[in-house]
Amino acid sequence: MCRERIIFRIAGSLILLGVILGYYVSPYWLILDAFVGVNMLQSSFTGFCPMTLILKAMKIEACSGSAQLT
């Protein structure tokens, strides 16, 4: 599996987890959704994503060819 797909899966999972915990446990869990959203927004402008650094350190390669998301 390539790096970009993993990043989307982690972000989506964290957002869903934040919504579920915000509904059932405490509304303060919605801060997790806000954090993930702000990180995705800043990443779209700057190209910097902290999760990319983590995945690079784990030696997970970037998508190439037709597997790359557009």
Protein backbone atom coordinates (compact mmCIF):
# COMPACT_ATOMS: atom_id res chain seq x y z
CA MET A 1 0.00 0.00 0.00
CA CYS A 2 1.30 3.45 -0.80
CA ARG A 3 1.79 6.45 1.45
CA GLU A 4 -1.00 8.68 0.11
CA ARG A 5 -3.68 6.04 0.54
CA ILE A 6 -2.55 5.37 4.10
CA ILE A 7 -2.74 9.09 4.90
CA PHE A 8 -6.33 9.30 3.62
CA ARG A 9 -7.31 6.20 5.61
CA ILE A 10 -5.80 7.53 8.83
CA ALA A 11 -7.39 10.97 8.40
CA GLY A 12 -10.80 9.49 7.61
CA SER A 13 -10.58 7.09 10.54
CA LEU A 14 -9.65 9.86 12.97
CA ILE A 15 -12.52 12.05 11.76
CA LEU A 16 -15.05 9.21 12.13
CA LEU A 17 -13.64 8.32 15.56
CA GLY A 18 -13.92 11.96 16.67
CA VAL A 19 -17.54 12.18 15.52
CA ILE A 20 -18.51 8.93 17.24
CA LEU A 21 -16.77 9.88 20.49
CA GLY A 22 -18.21 13.39 20.27
CA TYR A 23 -21.72 11.98 20.01
CA TYR A 24 -21.48 9.25 22.64
CA VAL A 25 -18.85 10.49 25.11
CA SER A 26 -18.26 14.24 25.10
CA PRO A 27 -18.57 17.09 22.59
CA TYR A 28 -14.96 17.95 23.38
CA TRP A 29 -13.93 15.03 21.15
CA LEU A 30 -14.97 17.17 18.18
CA ILE A 31 -11.71 19.04 18.74
CA LEU A 32 -10.02 15.98 17.21
CA ASP A 33 -12.03 16.53 14.00
CA ALA A 34 -11.09 20.19 13.96
CA PHE A 35 -7.40 19.33 14.40
CA VAL A 36 -7.45 16.82 11.53
CA GLY A 37 -9.34 19.27 9.31
CA VAL A 38 -6.96 22.15 10.01
CA ASN A 39 -3.99 19.88 9.35
CA MET A 40 -5.46 18.77 6.01
CA LEU A 41 -6.17 22.39 5.05
CA GLN A 42 -2.67 23.62 5.89
CA SER A 43 -1.21 20.62 4.08
CA SER A 44 -3.08 21.58 0.91
CA PHE A 45 -1.41 25.02 0.98
CA THR A 46 2.07 24.15 2.23
CA GLY A 47 2.55 20.57 1.07
CA PHE A 48 3.79 19.63 4.56
CA CYS A 49 2.10 16.74 6.34
CA PRO A 50 3.45 15.36 9.63
CA MET A 51 2.07 11.90 8.84
CA THR A 52 4.22 11.83 5.70
CA LEU A 53 7.33 12.18 7.85
CA ILE A 54 6.21 9.29 10.03
CA LEU A 55 5.46 7.06 7.03
CA LYS A 56 8.79 7.96 5.39
CA ALA A 57 10.57 6.93 8.60
CA MET A 58 8.70 3.61 8.37
CA LYS A 59 10.07 3.21 4.81
CA ILE A 60 6.63 3.27 3.15
CA GLU A 61 6.95 4.40 -0.45
CA ALA A 62 4.89 7.07 -2.20
CA CYS A 63 2.32 6.05 -4.82
CA SER A 64 3.61 5.77 -8.34
CA GLY A 65 1.99 5.47 -11.73
CA SER A 66 -1.68 4.58 -11.93
CA ALA A 67 -1.95 3.97 -8.16
CA GLN A 68 -1.40 7.65 -7.43
CA LEU A 69 -4.44 9.68 -6.39
CA THR A 70 -5.28 12.69 -8.51
